C-alpha atoms as a PDB file:
ATOM      1  CA  MET A   1    -220.687  17.868 -98.175  1.00  0.00           C
ATOM      2  CA  GLU A   2    -220.256  19.231 -94.859  1.00  0.00           C
ATOM      3  CA  LYS A   3    -217.240  17.762 -93.160  1.00  0.00           C
ATOM      4  CA  ILE A   4    -217.668  15.372 -90.398  1.00  0.00           C
ATOM      5  CA  LYS A   5    -215.709  15.219 -87.377  1.00  0.00           C
ATOM      6  CA  ARG A   6    -213.724  11.981 -86.324  1.00  0.00           C
ATOM      7  CA  ASN A   7    -215.863  11.661 -83.045  1.00  0.00           C
ATOM      8  CA  GLU A   8    -218.801  11.833 -84.842  1.00  0.00           C
ATOM      9  CA  ARG A   9    -217.404   9.262 -87.706  1.00  0.00           C
ATOM     10  CA  LEU A  10    -216.562   6.686 -84.561  1.00  0.00           C
ATOM     11  CA  GLY A  11    -219.919   7.296 -82.807  1.00  0.00           C
ATOM     12  CA  ALA A  12    -221.451   6.136 -86.219  1.00  0.00           C
ATOM     13  CA  MET A  13    -219.199   3.466 -87.089  1.00  0.00           C
ATOM     14  CA  THR A  14    -219.537   1.869 -83.452  1.00  0.00           C
ATOM     15  CA  ARG A  15    -222.948   1.989 -83.622  1.00  0.00           C
ATOM     16  CA  ILE A  16    -223.023   0.428 -87.363  1.00  0.00           C
ATOM     17  CA  LEU A  17    -220.902  -2.250 -86.606  1.00  0.00           C
ATOM     18  CA  THR A  18    -222.616  -3.159 -83.320  1.00  0.00           C
ATOM     19  CA  GLU A  19    -225.962  -3.171 -84.696  1.00  0.00           C
ATOM     20  CA  THR A  20    -225.161  -5.759 -87.609  1.00  0.00           C
ATOM     21  CA  PRO A  21    -222.492  -8.257 -85.516  1.00  0.00           C
ATOM     22  CA  ASN A  22    -220.609 -10.416 -87.906  1.00  0.00           C
ATOM     23  CA  ARG A  23    -221.906  -8.539 -90.938  1.00  0.00           C
ATOM     24  CA  ILE A  24    -218.863  -7.338 -93.313  1.00  0.00           C
ATOM     25  CA  HIS A  25    -218.985  -3.584 -94.227  1.00  0.00           C
ATOM     26  CA  THR A  26    -216.584  -2.203 -96.802  1.00  0.00           C
ATOM     27  CA  LEU A  27    -214.164   0.635 -96.619  1.00  0.00           C
ATOM     28  CA  GLY A  28    -215.922   1.951 -99.658  1.00  0.00           C
ATOM     29  CA  GLU A  29    -219.051   2.099 -97.665  1.00  0.00           C
ATOM     30  CA  PHE A  30    -217.794   4.064 -94.820  1.00  0.00           C
ATOM     31  CA  CYS A  31    -216.163   6.487 -97.116  1.00  0.00           C
ATOM     32  CA  ASP A  32    -219.418   6.974 -99.139  1.00  0.00           C
ATOM     33  CA  LEU A  33    -220.571   7.752 -95.888  1.00  0.00           C
ATOM     34  CA  PHE A  34    -218.211  10.076 -94.238  1.00  0.00           C
ATOM     35  CA  GLY A  35    -216.938  11.394 -97.387  1.00  0.00           C
ATOM     36  CA  ALA A  36    -213.375  10.648 -95.860  1.00  0.00           C
ATOM     37  CA  ALA A  37    -210.610   8.905 -97.690  1.00  0.00           C
ATOM     38  CA  LYS A  38    -209.698   4.931 -97.039  1.00  0.00           C
ATOM     39  CA  SER A  39    -206.836   5.829 -95.093  1.00  0.00           C
ATOM     40  CA  THR A  40    -209.130   7.926 -92.962  1.00  0.00           C
ATOM     41  CA  ILE A  41    -211.486   5.460 -92.362  1.00  0.00           C
ATOM     42  CA  SER A  42    -208.768   2.651 -91.338  1.00  0.00           C
ATOM     43  CA  GLU A  43    -207.230   5.087 -88.811  1.00  0.00           C
ATOM     44  CA  ASP A  44    -210.686   5.395 -87.433  1.00  0.00           C
ATOM     45  CA  ILE A  45    -211.603   1.525 -87.401  1.00  0.00           C
ATOM     46  CA  ASP A  46    -208.114   1.112 -85.691  1.00  0.00           C
ATOM     47  CA  ILE A  47    -209.190   3.310 -82.908  1.00  0.00           C
ATOM     48  CA  VAL A  48    -212.570   1.441 -82.510  1.00  0.00           C
ATOM     49  CA  ALA A  49    -210.974  -1.763 -82.363  1.00  0.00           C
ATOM     50  CA  ALA A  50    -208.556  -0.826 -79.577  1.00  0.00           C
ATOM     51  CA  SER A  51    -211.159   0.579 -77.571  1.00  0.00           C
ATOM     52  CA  PHE A  52    -213.128  -2.500 -77.991  1.00  0.00           C
ATOM     53  CA  SER A  53    -210.197  -4.526 -77.119  1.00  0.00           C
ATOM     54  CA  ARG A  54    -209.237  -2.343 -74.067  1.00  0.00           C
ATOM     55  CA  PHE A  55    -212.886  -2.752 -72.150  1.00  0.00           C
ATOM     56  CA  ASP A  56    -213.659  -6.178 -73.461  1.00  0.00           C
ATOM     57  CA  LEU A  57    -216.824  -5.162 -75.803  1.00  0.00           C
ATOM     58  CA  GLY A  58    -215.880  -7.556 -78.671  1.00  0.00           C
ATOM     59  CA  ARG A  59    -213.558  -7.702 -81.559  1.00  0.00           C
ATOM     60  CA  ILE A  60    -213.578  -5.473 -84.516  1.00  0.00           C
ATOM     61  CA  GLU A  61    -211.790  -7.662 -87.276  1.00  0.00           C
ATOM     62  CA  THR A  62    -210.571  -6.587 -90.915  1.00  0.00           C
ATOM     63  CA  VAL A  63    -211.669  -9.292 -93.730  1.00  0.00           C
ATOM     64  CA  ALA A  64    -209.030  -9.804 -96.591  1.00  0.00           C
ATOM     65  CA  GLY A  65    -210.425  -9.849-100.315  1.00  0.00           C
ATOM     66  CA  ALA A  66    -211.982  -8.429-102.926  1.00  0.00           C
ATOM     67  CA  ALA A  67    -215.527  -8.947-100.731  1.00  0.00           C
ATOM     68  CA  GLY A  68    -213.636  -8.043 -97.468  1.00  0.00           C
ATOM     69  CA  GLY A  69    -213.560  -5.021 -95.129  1.00  0.00           C
ATOM     70  CA  VAL A  70    -214.648  -4.950 -91.581  1.00  0.00           C
ATOM     71  CA  ARG A  71    -216.842  -6.390 -89.153  1.00  0.00           C
ATOM     72  CA  TYR A  72    -218.025  -6.595 -85.393  1.00  0.00           C
ATOM     73  CA  ARG A  73    -218.364 -10.063 -83.680  1.00  0.00           C
ATOM     74  CA  ALA A  74    -219.578  -9.853 -80.178  1.00  0.00           C
ATOM     75  CA  ILE A  75    -216.887 -12.220 -78.492  1.00  0.00           C
ATOM     76  CA  PRO A  76    -216.723 -11.780 -74.776  1.00  0.00           C
ATOM     77  CA  SER A  77    -213.443 -12.942 -73.046  1.00  0.00           C
ATOM     78  CA  ARG A  78    -213.157 -15.915 -70.669  1.00  0.00           C
ATOM     79  CA  GLU A  79    -213.148 -13.808 -68.028  1.00  0.00           C
ATOM     80  CA  ARG A  80    -216.401 -11.689 -68.707  1.00  0.00           C
ATOM     81  CA  SER A  81    -218.071 -15.198 -69.413  1.00  0.00           C
ATOM     82  CA  SER A  82    -217.327 -16.302 -66.432  1.00  0.00           C
ATOM     83  CA  ARG A  83    -218.785 -13.244 -64.748  1.00  0.00           C
ATOM     84  CA  ILE A  84    -222.097 -13.245 -66.599  1.00  0.00           C
ATOM     85  CA  LEU A  85    -222.712 -17.255 -66.126  1.00  0.00           C
ATOM     86  CA  SER A  86    -221.844 -16.946 -62.380  1.00  0.00           C
ATOM     87  CA  SER A  87    -224.227 -14.207 -61.811  1.00  0.00           C
ATOM     88  CA  LEU A  88    -227.028 -16.241 -63.822  1.00  0.00           C
ATOM     89  CA  ALA A  89    -226.005 -19.250 -61.850  1.00  0.00           C
ATOM     90  CA  GLU A  90    -226.557 -17.275 -58.505  1.00  0.00           C
ATOM     91  CA  ARG A  91    -230.008 -15.801 -59.578  1.00  0.00           C
ATOM     92  CA  LEU A  92    -230.964 -19.733 -60.614  1.00  0.00           C
ATOM     93  CA  SER A  93    -229.762 -20.901 -57.547  1.00  0.00           C
ATOM     94  CA  GLN A  94    -232.343 -18.522 -55.317  1.00  0.00           C
ATOM     95  CA  PRO A  95    -234.963 -20.551 -53.274  1.00  0.00           C
ATOM     96  CA  GLY A  96    -238.558 -21.380 -55.167  1.00  0.00           C
ATOM     97  CA  ARG A  97    -237.189 -22.153 -58.712  1.00  0.00           C
ATOM     98  CA  MET A  98    -237.587 -25.908 -58.094  1.00  0.00           C
ATOM     99  CA  LEU A  99    -240.501 -27.151 -60.310  1.00  0.00           C
ATOM    100  CA  PRO A 100    -241.736 -31.039 -60.509  1.00  0.00           C
ATOM    101  CA  GLY A 101    -240.053 -33.492 -62.428  1.00  0.00           C
ATOM    102  CA  GLY A 102    -236.675 -32.266 -61.865  1.00  0.00           C
ATOM    103  CA  PHE A 103    -237.216 -28.656 -64.072  1.00  0.00           C
ATOM    104  CA  LEU A 104    -235.783 -25.293 -63.258  1.00  0.00           C
ATOM    105  CA  TYR A 105    -237.946 -22.212 -63.693  1.00  0.00           C
ATOM    106  CA  THR A 106    -236.222 -19.645 -65.847  1.00  0.00           C
ATOM    107  CA  SER A 107    -238.782 -17.846 -67.840  1.00  0.00           C
ATOM    108  CA  ASP A 108    -237.970 -14.862 -66.152  1.00  0.00           C
ATOM    109  CA  ILE A 109    -234.832 -14.855 -66.772  1.00  0.00           C
ATOM    110  CA  THR A 110    -234.491 -15.675 -70.922  1.00  0.00           C
ATOM    111  CA  ALA A 111    -237.264 -13.133 -71.455  1.00  0.00           C
ATOM    112  CA  GLU A 112    -234.541 -10.372 -70.319  1.00  0.00           C
ATOM    113  CA  SER A 113    -233.256  -9.232 -73.177  1.00  0.00           C
ATOM    114  CA  SER A 114    -230.070  -8.049 -72.063  1.00  0.00           C
ATOM    115  CA  THR A 115    -229.656 -11.403 -70.390  1.00  0.00           C
ATOM    116  CA  ALA A 116    -230.824 -13.420 -73.651  1.00  0.00           C
ATOM    117  CA  GLN A 117    -227.954 -11.116 -75.743  1.00  0.00           C
ATOM    118  CA  GLN A 118    -225.217 -11.892 -73.392  1.00  0.00           C
ATOM    119  CA  MET A 119    -226.182 -15.870 -73.524  1.00  0.00           C
ATOM    120  CA  GLY A 120    -226.404 -15.478 -77.466  1.00  0.00           C
ATOM    121  CA  GLU A 121    -223.091 -13.394 -77.589  1.00  0.00           C
ATOM    122  CA  ILE A 122    -221.245 -16.365 -75.372  1.00  0.00           C
ATOM    123  CA  LEU A 123    -222.818 -19.196 -77.636  1.00  0.00           C
ATOM    124  CA  ALA A 124    -222.428 -17.532 -80.909  1.00  0.00           C
ATOM    125  CA  ALA A 125    -218.946 -17.120 -79.996  1.00  0.00           C
ATOM    126  CA  ARG A 126    -218.325 -20.803 -80.408  1.00  0.00           C
ATOM    127  CA  TYR A 127    -219.533 -21.253 -83.751  1.00  0.00           C
ATOM    128  CA  TYR A 128    -218.470 -18.396 -85.755  1.00  0.00           C
ATOM    129  CA  ASP A 129    -216.258 -20.648 -87.608  1.00  0.00           C
ATOM    130  CA  ARG A 130    -218.601 -23.333 -88.146  1.00  0.00           C
ATOM    131  CA  GLN A 131    -220.653 -20.610 -90.460  1.00  0.00           C
ATOM    132  CA  PRO A 132    -223.737 -21.875 -89.844  1.00  0.00           C
ATOM    133  CA  HIS A 133    -226.470 -20.741 -92.483  1.00  0.00           C
ATOM    134  CA  PHE A 134    -229.248 -20.560 -89.755  1.00  0.00           C
ATOM    135  CA  VAL A 135    -230.267 -21.317 -86.091  1.00  0.00           C
ATOM    136  CA  LEU A 136    -232.589 -23.892 -85.252  1.00  0.00           C
ATOM    137  CA  THR A 137    -234.836 -23.918 -82.008  1.00  0.00           C
ATOM    138  CA  MET A 138    -237.678 -25.444 -80.508  1.00  0.00           C
ATOM    139  CA  GLU A 139    -240.695 -23.876 -79.672  1.00  0.00           C
ATOM    140  CA  THR A 140    -240.878 -21.680 -77.133  1.00  0.00           C
ATOM    141  CA  LYS A 141    -238.543 -21.250 -74.271  1.00  0.00           C
ATOM    142  CA  GLY A 142    -235.497 -21.511 -75.891  1.00  0.00           C
ATOM    143  CA  ILE A 143    -236.664 -18.744 -78.659  1.00  0.00           C
ATOM    144  CA  PRO A 144    -234.900 -15.607 -77.000  1.00  0.00           C
ATOM    145  CA  ILE A 145    -231.859 -17.305 -76.486  1.00  0.00           C
ATOM    146  CA  ALA A 146    -231.695 -18.410 -79.694  1.00  0.00           C
ATOM    147  CA  LEU A 147    -232.784 -15.254 -81.544  1.00  0.00           C
ATOM    148  CA  MET A 148    -230.137 -13.379 -79.834  1.00  0.00           C
ATOM    149  CA  THR A 149    -227.951 -16.494 -81.199  1.00  0.00           C
ATOM    150  CA  ALA A 150    -228.980 -15.825 -84.563  1.00  0.00           C
ATOM    151  CA  LYS A 151    -228.666 -12.005 -84.535  1.00  0.00           C
ATOM    152  CA  MET A 152    -224.820 -12.420 -83.495  1.00  0.00           C
ATOM    153  CA  LEU A 153    -223.937 -14.686 -85.989  1.00  0.00           C
ATOM    154  CA  ASP A 154    -226.337 -12.331 -88.641  1.00  0.00           C
ATOM    155  CA  VAL A 155    -228.503 -15.601 -89.698  1.00  0.00           C
ATOM    156  CA  PRO A 156    -231.629 -16.164 -89.678  1.00  0.00           C
ATOM    157  CA  LEU A 157    -233.770 -17.989 -86.838  1.00  0.00           C
ATOM    158  CA  VAL A 158    -235.887 -21.120 -87.591  1.00  0.00           C
ATOM    159  CA  ILE A 159    -238.717 -22.384 -85.330  1.00  0.00           C
ATOM    160  CA  ALA A 160    -239.933 -26.219 -85.024  1.00  0.00           C
ATOM    161  CA  ARG A 161    -243.034 -26.588 -83.585  1.00  0.00           C
ATOM    162  CA  ARG A 162    -245.147 -29.004 -81.959  1.00  0.00           C
ATOM    163  CA  ASP A 163    -247.527 -28.732 -84.991  1.00  0.00           C
ATOM    164  CA  SER A 164    -247.947 -27.356 -88.428  1.00  0.00           C
ATOM    165  CA  ARG A 165    -249.619 -24.414 -88.923  1.00  0.00           C
ATOM    166  CA  ALA A 166    -251.553 -23.374 -91.941  1.00  0.00           C
ATOM    167  CA  TYR A 167    -249.623 -20.227 -92.599  1.00  0.00           C
ATOM    168  CA  GLU A 168    -246.436 -21.761 -93.015  1.00  0.00           C
ATOM    169  CA  GLY A 169    -247.493 -24.032 -96.056  1.00  0.00           C
ATOM    170  CA  SER A 170    -246.758 -27.834 -95.903  1.00  0.00           C
ATOM    171  CA  ALA A 171    -244.360 -29.263 -93.159  1.00  0.00           C
ATOM    172  CA  VAL A 172    -242.347 -32.236 -92.531  1.00  0.00           C
ATOM    173  CA  LYS A 173    -243.296 -33.893 -89.415  1.00  0.00           C
ATOM    174  CA  ILE A 174    -241.304 -36.176 -87.052  1.00  0.00           C
ATOM    175  CA  ASN A 175    -242.019 -38.221 -83.763  1.00  0.00           C
ATOM    176  CA  TYR A 176    -239.089 -38.213 -81.022  1.00  0.00           C
ATOM    177  CA  ILE A 177    -238.671 -39.242 -77.782  1.00  0.00           C
ATOM    178  CA  ALA A 178    -238.810 -36.547 -74.579  1.00  0.00           C
ATOM    179  CA  GLY A 179    -238.395 -36.648 -71.120  1.00  0.00           C
ATOM    180  CA  GLY A 180    -235.521 -37.359 -69.131  1.00  0.00           C
ATOM    181  CA  GLY A 181    -237.089 -40.103 -67.154  1.00  0.00           C
ATOM    182  CA  ASN A 182    -240.561 -40.186 -67.666  1.00  0.00           C
ATOM    183  CA  GLU A 183    -240.299 -41.011 -71.581  1.00  0.00           C
ATOM    184  CA  ARG A 184    -242.913 -40.137 -73.979  1.00  0.00           C
ATOM    185  CA  ILE A 185    -243.714 -39.313 -77.704  1.00  0.00           C
ATOM    186  CA  GLU A 186    -243.981 -36.227 -79.018  1.00  0.00           C
ATOM    187  CA  THR A 187    -244.598 -34.606 -82.870  1.00  0.00           C
ATOM    188  CA  MET A 188    -242.122 -32.041 -84.191  1.00  0.00           C
ATOM    189  CA  ALA A 189    -243.272 -30.260 -87.487  1.00  0.00           C
ATOM    190  CA  LEU A 190    -240.899 -27.702 -89.783  1.00  0.00           C
ATOM    191  CA  ALA A 191    -242.283 -25.896 -92.818  1.00  0.00           C
ATOM    192  CA  ARG A 192    -240.722 -27.359 -96.092  1.00  0.00           C
ATOM    193  CA  ARG A 193    -239.721 -23.998 -96.957  1.00  0.00           C
ATOM    194  CA  ALA A 194    -237.459 -22.857 -94.013  1.00  0.00           C
ATOM    195  CA  VAL A 195    -234.376 -25.046 -94.759  1.00  0.00           C
ATOM    196  CA  SER A 196    -232.905 -26.078 -97.645  1.00  0.00           C
ATOM    197  CA  ALA A 197    -230.733 -29.142 -98.535  1.00  0.00           C
ATOM    198  CA  GLY A 198    -227.024 -28.699 -97.826  1.00  0.00           C
ATOM    199  CA  GLN A 199    -227.261 -25.806 -95.378  1.00  0.00           C
ATOM    200  CA  ARG A 200    -225.642 -25.916 -91.991  1.00  0.00           C
ATOM    201  CA  ALA A 201    -227.877 -25.472 -89.045  1.00  0.00           C
ATOM    202  CA  LEU A 202    -227.109 -24.614 -85.322  1.00  0.00           C
ATOM    203  CA  ILE A 203    -229.180 -25.730 -82.622  1.00  0.00           C
ATOM    204  CA  ILE A 204    -229.817 -23.738 -79.538  1.00  0.00           C
ATOM    205  CA  ASP A 205    -232.265 -24.284 -76.560  1.00  0.00           C
ATOM    206  CA  ASP A 206    -232.764 -23.565 -73.187  1.00  0.00           C
ATOM    207  CA  PHE A 207    -232.654 -26.712 -71.250  1.00  0.00           C
ATOM    208  CA  MET A 208    -231.390 -30.487 -71.716  1.00  0.00           C
ATOM    209  CA  LYS A 209    -232.030 -33.181 -69.411  1.00  0.00           C
ATOM    210  CA  GLY A 210    -231.899 -36.457 -71.708  1.00  0.00           C
ATOM    211  CA  GLY A 211    -231.685 -34.598 -74.643  1.00  0.00           C
ATOM    212  CA  GLY A 212    -234.568 -36.106 -76.619  1.00  0.00           C
ATOM    213  CA  THR A 213    -235.808 -32.957 -78.024  1.00  0.00           C
ATOM    214  CA  LEU A 214    -232.541 -31.711 -79.222  1.00  0.00           C
ATOM    215  CA  GLN A 215    -232.153 -35.451 -81.145  1.00  0.00           C
ATOM    216  CA  GLY A 216    -235.616 -34.545 -82.611  1.00  0.00           C
ATOM    217  CA  MET A 217    -233.785 -31.380 -83.739  1.00  0.00           C
ATOM    218  CA  VAL A 218    -230.442 -33.345 -85.272  1.00  0.00           C
ATOM    219  CA  ASP A 219    -233.425 -35.874 -86.847  1.00  0.00           C
ATOM    220  CA  MET A 220    -235.248 -33.481 -88.307  1.00  0.00           C
ATOM    221  CA  MET A 221    -232.240 -31.745 -89.765  1.00  0.00           C
ATOM    222  CA  ARG A 222    -231.485 -35.179 -91.627  1.00  0.00           C
ATOM    223  CA  GLU A 223    -234.787 -35.342 -92.889  1.00  0.00           C
ATOM    224  CA  PHE A 224    -234.022 -31.607 -94.732  1.00  0.00           C
ATOM    225  CA  GLN A 225    -230.539 -32.987 -95.739  1.00  0.00           C
ATOM    226  CA  ALA A 226    -228.883 -30.267 -93.538  1.00  0.00           C
ATOM    227  CA  GLU A 227    -225.422 -30.585 -91.543  1.00  0.00           C
ATOM    228  CA  VAL A 228    -225.839 -29.746 -87.773  1.00  0.00           C
ATOM    229  CA  VAL A 229    -222.658 -27.844 -87.056  1.00  0.00           C
ATOM    230  CA  GLY A 230    -223.379 -27.621 -83.526  1.00  0.00           C
ATOM    231  CA  VAL A 231    -225.543 -27.827 -80.697  1.00  0.00           C
ATOM    232  CA  GLY A 232    -225.941 -25.319 -77.639  1.00  0.00           C
ATOM    233  CA  VAL A 233    -228.089 -24.866 -74.498  1.00  0.00           C
ATOM    234  CA  MET A 234    -228.317 -22.622 -71.541  1.00  0.00           C
ATOM    235  CA  ILE A 235    -228.647 -25.054 -68.775  1.00  0.00           C
ATOM    236  CA  ALA A 236    -227.920 -28.975 -69.023  1.00  0.00           C
ATOM    237  CA  THR A 237    -228.857 -31.234 -65.847  1.00  0.00           C
ATOM    238  CA  ALA A 238    -225.828 -33.451 -64.208  1.00  0.00           C
ATOM    239  CA  GLN A 239    -227.814 -36.578 -64.604  1.00  0.00           C
ATOM    240  CA  PRO A 240    -228.298 -38.180 -66.447  1.00  0.00           C
ATOM    241  CA  GLN A 241    -224.766 -38.119 -67.701  1.00  0.00           C
ATOM    242  CA  VAL A 242    -225.124 -39.933 -70.959  1.00  0.00           C
ATOM    243  CA  LYS A 243    -227.509 -37.838 -73.351  1.00  0.00           C
ATOM    244  CA  ARG A 244    -229.508 -39.254 -76.456  1.00  0.00           C
ATOM    245  CA  VAL A 245    -227.574 -36.291 -78.079  1.00  0.00           C
ATOM    246  CA  ALA A 246    -223.770 -36.031 -78.271  1.00  0.00           C
ATOM    247  CA  GLY A 247    -221.394 -33.201 -78.012  1.00  0.00           C
ATOM    248  CA  VAL A 248    -223.836 -30.312 -76.548  1.00  0.00           C
ATOM    249  CA  ARG A 249    -222.178 -27.245 -75.502  1.00  0.00           C
ATOM    250  CA  SER A 250    -223.968 -26.003 -72.174  1.00  0.00           C
ATOM    251  CA  LEU A 251    -223.497 -22.382 -70.525  1.00  0.00           C
ATOM    252  CA  LEU A 252    -224.939 -23.575 -67.243  1.00  0.00           C
ATOM    253  CA  VAL A 253    -225.183 -26.910 -65.173  1.00  0.00           C
ATOM    254  CA  LEU A 254    -227.846 -27.920 -62.958  1.00  0.00           C
ATOM    255  CA  GLU A 255    -226.354 -30.405 -60.807  1.00  0.00           C
ATOM    256  CA  GLY A 256    -229.138 -30.791 -58.607  1.00  0.00           C
ATOM    257  CA  PHE A 257    -232.096 -29.490 -55.925  1.00  0.00           C
ATOM    258  CA  ASP A 258    -231.894 -28.808 -52.014  1.00  0.00           C
ATOM    259  CA  GLN A 259    -235.101 -30.618 -51.273  1.00  0.00           C
ATOM    260  CA  THR A 260    -235.458 -28.626 -48.095  1.00  0.00           C
ATOM    261  CA  THR A 261    -235.240 -25.112 -49.435  1.00  0.00           C
ATOM    262  CA  GLY A 262    -236.298 -25.723 -53.135  1.00  0.00           C
ATOM    263  CA  SER A 263    -233.262 -24.220 -54.197  1.00  0.00           C
ATOM    264  CA  ALA A 264    -231.661 -25.221 -57.655  1.00  0.00           C
ATOM    265  CA  ILE A 265    -227.550 -26.424 -57.268  1.00  0.00           C
ATOM    266  CA  VAL A 266    -226.546 -24.494 -60.635  1.00  0.00           C
ATOM    267  CA  LYS A 267    -223.010 -23.820 -61.518  1.00  0.00           C
ATOM    268  CA  PRO A 268    -221.384 -22.302 -65.190  1.00  0.00           C
ATOM    269  CA  SER A 269    -220.204 -25.019 -67.353  1.00  0.00           C
ATOM    270  CA  LYS A 270    -216.475 -26.287 -66.616  1.00  0.00           C
ATOM    271  CA  GLU A 271    -214.968 -24.529 -69.933  1.00  0.00           C
ATOM    272  CA  TYR A 272    -216.257 -21.061 -68.508  1.00  0.00           C
ATOM    273  CA  LEU A 273    -214.749 -21.422 -64.938  1.00  0.00           C
END
């Protein structure tokens, strides 16, 4: 086998680790790939880890034990998270985003893959220790953020729908109360094959006003005998203060609207300031 230079190993190793966040790669795997000794690979990993730490690119962690190895976790620093969310808050506070019913237009921002990934990194960082088996979201606007969160955690994405789909097989359906002030009964469906009893679910959505949809997803997990280990959203409204589901982590807070300009008042959540 042709001898591989260190700079080539570092480049390839960085790509492999960042493309598979939270997945453990054994040293033997890299030894076989690069034809190098474990001591050499360990030195390479130390170099990559130091570089990532210096430039706030996430963490390279060594996992001990027989099944151990090395993994990459895209955990941004508090300072980087604050910069990202402050920039998002500024964009969302621009005039013209106010929608009827106290809602905020966000679809253009959540559709940006790089922005959705940044939010997924920040949300996932809060739940690595809870080790969810999957991320659950509701169709449709929360899907980009939930998908990126699932990617950072290296788990599947599960999508609850307004109604069942024939190609997903039999489904569980529940009714839940939606709407912040204008309450209404909605239906939520989830394929029976999507979740197994005893699994741990992380619920991610784009927007929370009263928390009805999120509570519906919590209730859905109860039907599947699955444990909810956390609930996170992109934006939560400041009012009403009491939500239907407790313990929700939000990246941003919608404090209200300026009716004269049609501008929203959006700020990062206090834990990121």
